[in-house]
Amino acid sequence: MAVGAEKGQSAGLLHEAELFAEAVCDPESGPTGITAFLEKRSAPLPTQYAEIAPTASGEQVDDLLASGDLLPMGASFFPGVTPIPRYQYGYGVPKSAEDGKPAHGDPVDAEIKLIFETPEPEPNEALVYVLASEMNFNDIWAITGIPVSPFDARDADVQVTGSGGVAMIVRLGSELIAEGRLTVGDVCTVYSGQSELLSPDQGLDPMAADFRIQGYERNDGSHAQFLTVQGPQLHPKLPSLSFEEAGSYGLTLGTIHRALYHTLDIEPNKRLFVEGASTGTGYDCLRSAVSSGLDVVGMVSKRARRAVEAVGGAAVDRKTPSGRTPSPGAR
């Protein structure tokens, strides 16, 4: 910039190109740095400046609470009456302010309370106040960074966990107001899947339009006080279910419904094999298939997990010799 200011823009751009070329060709850093970047071994970027750090505490937090810029956890919220705060609490994993590395680890220790800005809804979005948040294995992946760290996919300093739940609408984007289906104050179940609503692929399959799950494939999640969601993510909460019940099954049963009734197009009296049948998704898949009239066999990892039999399924313990396929040439 100094060269450009002194000698003109063209000279400045030429000087920048020369410096870049020297850096790339520098045997000590150029090829090594490029290789590290391509192999995703580059040193993490430093965290971005934030007026309020995600891990802020003490007097700074007390001031936010006193001014109404932050609501206490579990506080009541009355749409149109309670001011929407500038900041909010949520749970997730931050990057280290010292070296920029994600603070992944054992979920018991690594998932911590964070403070971050309350988002503004876009025209096709709603801002909701979360009343019950769905727990899912996505949380474990996001917190541990195994098998893939969510920070590898985007430049964010915080990964908030939580994929769906139950929430109350507190603000609507202009297009959702015009649509008229949703109203501020509505209590809805929140499905965690988002896509590009204006993509031509929406007419083919929403999952083909850059589909992504909040809480893992996006850095925002429902383990927070507020969340912006797209209109199609919101559905009326069933009055027969408690908040906890209604907020517990969206992602799991959404996955199961698509697999069984769309991809497989299951029919009664057919047979189905469910791998991992004692896990959350696998167990509910087995129950759904049994209730639809299928004969179901589920694979489990140990005898104590044969609860699948109680709902009408049959169990195969993959750790017993009879549950294994012999290797070629084995006697």
Protein backbone atom coordinates (compact mmCIF):
# COMPACT_ATOMS: atom_id res chain seq x y z
CA MET A 1 0.00 0.00 0.00
CA ALA A 2 2.85 2.37 0.78
CA VAL A 3 4.40 1.81 -2.66
CA GLY A 4 1.03 2.37 -4.34
CA ALA A 5 0.43 5.58 -2.41
CA GLU A 6 3.87 6.91 -3.31
CA LYS A 7 4.32 5.70 -6.90
CA GLY A 8 0.79 5.00 -8.11
CA GLN A 9 -1.60 2.05 -8.26
CA SER A 10 0.19 0.20 -11.06
CA ALA A 11 3.51 0.31 -9.23
CA GLY A 12 1.81 -0.85 -6.04
CA LEU A 13 0.18 -3.84 -7.75
CA LEU A 14 3.47 -4.79 -9.42
CA HIS A 15 5.28 -4.63 -6.07
CA GLU A 16 2.58 -6.80 -4.49
CA ALA A 17 2.96 -9.38 -7.27
CA GLU A 18 6.74 -9.46 -6.80
CA LEU A 19 6.41 -9.99 -3.05
CA PHE A 20 3.88 -12.77 -3.59
CA ALA A 21 6.14 -14.50 -6.12
CA GLU A 22 9.10 -14.30 -3.76
CA ALA A 23 7.03 -15.81 -0.94
CA VAL A 24 5.80 -18.67 -3.13
CA CYS A 25 9.30 -19.48 -4.37
CA ASP A 26 10.94 -19.16 -0.96
CA PRO A 27 12.23 -22.71 -0.27
CA GLU A 28 11.82 -22.21 3.47
CA SER A 29 8.13 -21.33 3.39
CA GLY A 30 6.59 -21.22 -0.11
CA PRO A 31 6.23 -24.87 -1.24
CA THR A 32 5.98 -26.02 2.37
CA GLY A 33 3.14 -23.63 3.10
CA ILE A 34 1.28 -24.46 -0.11
CA THR A 35 1.56 -28.20 0.60
CA ALA A 36 0.30 -27.71 4.14
CA PHE A 37 -2.65 -25.70 2.83
CA LEU A 38 -3.61 -28.32 0.25
CA GLU A 39 -3.32 -31.10 2.84
CA LYS A 40 -5.31 -29.06 5.40
CA ARG A 41 -2.34 -28.85 7.75
CA SER A 42 -2.01 -25.07 7.75
CA ALA A 43 -1.77 -23.25 11.04
CA PRO A 44 -5.23 -22.04 12.10
CA LEU A 45 -6.19 -18.44 11.42
CA PRO A 46 -6.34 -16.15 14.44
CA THR A 47 -9.77 -15.44 15.87
CA GLN A 48 -11.61 -12.34 14.69
CA TYR A 49 -11.98 -9.33 16.94
CA ALA A 50 -15.22 -9.31 18.92
CA GLU A 51 -16.37 -6.57 21.27
CA ILE A 52 -17.62 -9.31 23.58
CA ALA A 53 -15.49 -12.45 23.54
CA PRO A 54 -17.38 -15.78 23.40
CA THR A 55 -15.83 -16.75 26.74
CA ALA A 56 -16.44 -13.39 28.43
CA SER A 57 -17.16 -13.48 32.16
CA GLY A 58 -17.23 -11.38 35.29
CA GLU A 59 -17.96 -7.66 35.20
CA GLN A 60 -18.39 -7.57 31.44
CA VAL A 61 -21.21 -10.12 31.60
CA ASP A 62 -22.77 -8.40 34.61
CA ASP A 63 -22.91 -5.15 32.63
CA LEU A 64 -24.64 -6.90 29.70
CA LEU A 65 -27.23 -8.43 32.00
CA ALA A 66 -27.85 -5.14 33.79
CA SER A 67 -28.35 -3.24 30.52
CA GLY A 68 -30.69 -5.84 29.03
CA ASP A 69 -28.21 -6.66 26.26
CA LEU A 70 -28.12 -10.25 27.55
CA LEU A 71 -30.92 -12.31 29.09
CA PRO A 72 -30.31 -14.76 31.95
CA MET A 73 -30.50 -18.43 31.02
CA GLY A 74 -34.09 -19.65 31.32
CA ALA A 75 -35.54 -16.13 31.35
CA SER A 76 -39.14 -15.64 30.26
CA PHE A 77 -39.60 -13.95 26.90
CA PHE A 78 -42.75 -12.16 25.75
CA PRO A 79 -42.73 -11.39 21.99
CA GLY A 80 -43.42 -7.74 21.31
CA VAL A 81 -42.85 -6.86 24.96
CA THR A 82 -39.43 -8.19 25.95
CA PRO A 83 -36.69 -6.42 23.96
CA ILE A 84 -34.56 -8.74 21.84
CA PRO A 85 -31.05 -8.56 23.35
CA ARG A 86 -27.90 -7.80 21.37
CA TYR A 87 -26.19 -10.89 22.76
CA GLN A 88 -27.26 -14.35 23.84
CA TYR A 89 -26.06 -17.41 25.69
CA GLY A 90 -25.48 -20.70 23.93
CA TYR A 91 -23.50 -23.91 24.30
CA GLY A 92 -20.80 -25.14 21.98
CA VAL A 93 -17.09 -25.04 21.19
CA PRO A 94 -15.00 -21.91 20.62
CA LYS A 95 -11.65 -21.39 18.99
CA SER A 96 -8.77 -20.53 21.28
CA ALA A 97 -8.06 -16.80 21.36
CA GLU A 98 -4.37 -17.62 21.85
CA ASP A 99 -3.63 -19.78 18.81
CA GLY A 100 -6.91 -20.02 16.85
CA LYS A 101 -7.21 -23.78 17.36
CA PRO A 102 -10.69 -25.25 17.96
CA ALA A 103 -11.09 -26.27 21.61
CA HIS A 104 -12.30 -29.79 20.77
CA GLY A 105 -12.30 -32.45 23.46
CA ASP A 106 -14.42 -34.70 25.63
CA PRO A 107 -18.01 -33.37 25.48
CA VAL A 108 -18.20 -33.34 29.29
CA ASP A 109 -15.49 -30.67 29.37
CA ALA A 110 -15.29 -29.16 25.88
CA GLU A 111 -18.88 -27.96 25.46
CA ILE A 112 -19.11 -24.71 27.40
CA LYS A 113 -21.44 -21.75 27.84
CA LEU A 114 -20.68 -19.04 25.27
CA ILE A 115 -21.81 -15.49 24.53
CA PHE A 116 -22.35 -14.29 20.97
CA GLU A 117 -24.50 -11.87 19.00
CA THR A 118 -28.22 -12.44 18.47
CA PRO A 119 -28.75 -12.75 14.69
CA GLU A 120 -31.17 -10.76 12.54
CA PRO A 121 -33.54 -12.80 10.34
CA GLU A 122 -33.29 -12.50 6.56
CA PRO A 123 -36.50 -12.04 4.48
CA ASN A 124 -37.21 -15.81 4.35
CA GLU A 125 -36.19 -16.42 7.95
CA ALA A 126 -37.65 -16.17 11.44
CA LEU A 127 -35.90 -15.42 14.71
CA VAL A 128 -37.07 -17.86 17.38
CA TYR A 129 -36.63 -18.15 21.15
CA VAL A 130 -35.66 -21.74 21.92
CA LEU A 131 -37.80 -23.56 24.49
CA ALA A 132 -36.47 -27.12 24.06
CA SER A 133 -33.40 -28.17 22.09
CA GLU A 134 -32.87 -31.55 20.43
CA MET A 135 -29.81 -33.57 21.38
CA ASN A 136 -28.27 -35.65 18.64
CA PHE A 137 -25.01 -37.40 17.81
CA ASN A 138 -24.25 -34.30 15.73
CA ASP A 139 -23.40 -32.70 19.07
CA ILE A 140 -20.67 -35.27 19.71
CA TRP A 141 -19.18 -34.80 16.24
CA ALA A 142 -19.18 -31.02 16.58
CA ILE A 143 -17.67 -31.02 20.07
CA THR A 144 -14.98 -33.65 19.51
CA GLY A 145 -14.17 -32.71 15.91
CA ILE A 146 -14.35 -36.42 15.05
CA PRO A 147 -14.61 -37.56 12.29
CA VAL A 148 -14.49 -34.01 10.84
CA SER A 149 -14.21 -30.70 12.63
CA PRO A 150 -16.97 -28.27 11.62
CA PHE A 151 -14.36 -25.51 11.71
CA ASP A 152 -12.65 -27.10 8.69
CA ALA A 153 -15.60 -26.16 6.49
CA ARG A 154 -16.00 -22.46 7.34
CA ASP A 155 -14.29 -19.48 8.94
CA ALA A 156 -16.09 -19.19 12.27
CA ASP A 157 -14.82 -18.71 15.81
CA VAL A 158 -17.72 -20.50 17.52
CA GLN A 159 -19.57 -23.75 16.81
CA VAL A 160 -22.95 -23.80 18.56
CA THR A 161 -24.42 -27.27 18.97
CA GLY A 162 -28.03 -28.46 18.84
CA SER A 163 -30.06 -29.65 15.83
CA GLY A 164 -33.71 -28.64 16.12
CA GLY A 165 -36.24 -28.50 18.93
CA VAL A 166 -39.23 -26.38 19.96
CA ALA A 167 -39.21 -22.59 19.82
CA MET A 168 -41.40 -19.49 19.88
CA ILE A 169 -41.33 -17.05 16.97
CA VAL A 170 -40.21 -13.58 18.09
CA ARG A 171 -39.51 -11.88 14.74
CA LEU A 172 -40.38 -12.62 11.11
CA GLY A 173 -38.59 -11.71 7.90
CA SER A 174 -40.50 -9.71 5.30
CA GLU A 175 -41.25 -12.68 3.01
CA LEU A 176 -42.62 -14.78 5.86
CA ILE A 177 -44.85 -11.89 6.90
CA ALA A 178 -46.15 -11.67 3.33
CA GLU A 179 -46.73 -15.43 3.20
CA GLY A 180 -48.97 -15.24 6.27
CA ARG A 181 -48.49 -18.83 7.48
CA LEU A 182 -46.51 -17.92 10.59
CA THR A 183 -47.16 -15.33 13.30
CA VAL A 184 -45.02 -13.82 16.04
CA GLY A 185 -45.83 -15.75 19.21
CA ASP A 186 -46.42 -19.10 17.46
CA VAL A 187 -44.86 -22.10 19.21
CA CYS A 188 -43.38 -24.42 16.59
CA THR A 189 -41.22 -27.48 16.22
CA VAL A 190 -37.95 -26.65 14.49
CA TYR A 191 -36.49 -29.02 11.91
CA SER A 192 -32.74 -28.43 11.68
CA GLY A 193 -32.25 -28.87 7.93
CA GLN A 194 -31.67 -25.80 5.77
CA SER A 195 -31.28 -25.41 2.02
CA GLU A 196 -31.08 -22.72 -0.64
CA LEU A 197 -34.76 -21.76 -0.87
CA LEU A 198 -34.39 -19.91 -4.19
CA SER A 199 -32.39 -22.65 -5.91
CA PRO A 200 -33.99 -24.27 -9.00
CA ASP A 201 -33.14 -27.62 -7.40
CA GLN A 202 -35.80 -27.02 -4.74
CA GLY A 203 -38.40 -28.32 -7.20
CA LEU A 204 -36.41 -31.52 -7.64
CA ASP A 205 -35.39 -32.20 -4.04
CA PRO A 206 -34.57 -29.74 -1.24
CA MET A 207 -31.65 -31.97 -0.23
CA ALA A 208 -30.08 -31.26 -3.62
CA ALA A 209 -30.11 -27.50 -2.92
CA ASP A 210 -27.06 -27.17 -0.64
CA PHE A 211 -28.78 -28.98 2.23
CA ARG A 212 -27.11 -28.57 5.63
CA ILE A 213 -27.90 -29.29 9.27
CA GLN A 214 -27.72 -26.61 11.94
CA GLY A 215 -25.52 -27.53 14.86
CA TYR A 216 -22.90 -29.28 12.72
CA GLU A 217 -22.95 -28.30 9.05
CA ARG A 218 -23.69 -24.71 10.07
CA ASN A 219 -22.03 -22.93 12.97
CA ASP A 220 -25.37 -21.90 14.52
CA GLY A 221 -27.42 -24.39 16.52
CA SER A 222 -30.42 -24.77 18.80
CA HIS A 223 -28.44 -25.08 22.05
CA ALA A 224 -28.84 -21.30 22.28
CA GLN A 225 -31.40 -18.77 23.43
CA PHE A 226 -32.15 -17.47 19.93
CA LEU A 227 -31.81 -18.96 16.46
CA THR A 228 -32.62 -17.86 12.92
CA VAL A 229 -34.41 -20.51 10.88
CA GLN A 230 -35.95 -20.67 7.42
CA GLY A 231 -39.72 -20.68 7.08
CA PRO A 232 -39.98 -24.34 5.94
CA GLN A 233 -38.18 -25.43 9.12
CA LEU A 234 -41.12 -24.35 11.30
CA HIS A 235 -44.20 -26.51 11.89
CA PRO A 236 -46.99 -26.24 14.48
CA LYS A 237 -46.18 -28.07 17.71
CA LEU A 238 -48.57 -30.94 18.38
CA PRO A 239 -50.63 -29.97 21.45
CA SER A 240 -50.62 -33.57 22.71
CA LEU A 241 -46.84 -33.52 23.21
CA SER A 242 -44.84 -31.78 25.91
CA PHE A 243 -42.13 -29.33 24.87
CA GLU A 244 -39.50 -31.97 25.67
CA GLU A 245 -41.26 -34.65 23.63
CA ALA A 246 -41.94 -32.40 20.66
CA GLY A 247 -38.36 -31.17 20.65
CA SER A 248 -36.67 -34.55 20.77
CA TYR A 249 -37.34 -36.35 17.49
CA GLY A 250 -37.24 -33.98 14.51
CA LEU A 251 -33.88 -34.80 12.96
CA THR A 252 -33.97 -38.50 13.84
CA LEU A 253 -37.47 -39.27 12.58
CA GLY A 254 -37.06 -36.91 9.63
CA THR A 255 -34.09 -39.00 8.51
CA ILE A 256 -36.00 -42.23 9.12
CA HIS A 257 -39.15 -41.10 7.31
CA ARG A 258 -37.19 -40.09 4.23
CA ALA A 259 -35.23 -43.37 4.19
CA LEU A 260 -38.17 -45.72 4.75
CA TYR A 261 -41.08 -44.08 2.99
CA HIS A 262 -39.31 -42.29 0.14
CA THR A 263 -35.92 -43.83 -0.67
CA LEU A 264 -36.91 -47.45 0.10
CA ASP A 265 -40.68 -47.00 -0.39
CA ILE A 266 -41.29 -49.83 2.10
CA GLU A 267 -44.34 -52.10 1.97
CA PRO A 268 -45.94 -54.35 4.64
CA ASN A 269 -44.73 -57.97 4.90
CA LYS A 270 -41.32 -57.14 3.43
CA ARG A 271 -38.08 -57.78 5.32
CA LEU A 272 -35.69 -55.10 6.56
CA PHE A 273 -32.23 -55.24 8.14
CA VAL A 274 -31.20 -52.35 10.41
CA GLU A 275 -27.52 -51.96 11.27
CA GLY A 276 -26.86 -50.28 14.61
CA ALA A 277 -30.41 -51.01 15.75
CA SER A 278 -29.87 -50.05 19.40
CA THR A 279 -28.81 -46.47 18.68
CA GLY A 280 -31.25 -43.56 18.61
CA THR A 281 -31.82 -43.45 14.86
CA GLY A 282 -31.47 -47.20 14.36
CA TYR A 283 -33.87 -48.07 17.18
CA ASP A 284 -36.55 -45.63 16.00
CA CYS A 285 -36.07 -46.88 12.45
CA LEU A 286 -36.74 -50.43 13.62
CA ARG A 287 -39.82 -49.35 15.58
CA SER A 288 -41.18 -47.38 12.61
CA ALA A 289 -40.66 -50.31 10.25
CA VAL A 290 -42.31 -52.78 12.64
CA SER A 291 -45.31 -50.48 13.05
CA SER A 292 -45.61 -50.39 9.25
CA GLY A 293 -45.88 -54.19 9.06
CA LEU A 294 -42.33 -55.18 8.13
CA ASP A 295 -40.35 -58.12 9.50
CA VAL A 296 -37.23 -56.49 10.92
CA VAL A 297 -33.86 -57.81 12.07
CA GLY A 298 -31.55 -55.41 13.89
CA MET A 299 -27.81 -55.72 14.49
CA VAL A 300 -26.61 -54.80 17.99
CA SER A 301 -23.19 -54.70 19.63
CA LYS A 302 -23.92 -56.77 22.74
CA ARG A 303 -26.59 -58.90 24.36
CA ALA A 304 -27.60 -56.13 26.77
CA ARG A 305 -28.75 -54.08 23.78
CA ARG A 306 -31.33 -56.58 22.57
CA ALA A 307 -34.19 -54.28 23.56
CA VAL A 308 -35.16 -54.30 19.88
CA GLU A 309 -36.93 -57.58 20.58
CA ALA A 310 -39.34 -55.84 22.96
CA VAL A 311 -40.83 -53.82 20.09
CA GLY A 312 -41.22 -56.75 17.72
CA GLY A 313 -37.81 -56.94 16.07
CA ALA A 314 -35.22 -59.70 16.07
CA ALA A 315 -31.63 -59.12 17.20
CA VAL A 316 -28.27 -60.26 15.85
CA ASP A 317 -25.28 -59.76 18.18
CA ARG A 318 -22.42 -58.83 15.86
CA LYS A 319 -19.81 -59.83 18.47
CA THR A 320 -20.83 -63.50 18.64
CA PRO A 321 -19.20 -65.98 16.21
CA SER A 322 -22.59 -66.78 14.69
CA GLY A 323 -23.10 -63.12 13.85
CA ARG A 324 -19.98 -62.87 11.69
CA THR A 325 -19.39 -63.67 8.05
CA PRO A 326 -16.42 -66.05 7.67
CA SER A 327 -13.41 -64.55 5.92
CA PRO A 328 -12.47 -66.07 2.54
CA GLY A 329 -10.28 -69.10 3.14
CA ALA A 330 -11.14 -69.33 6.84
CA ARG A 331 -11.71 -72.80 8.26
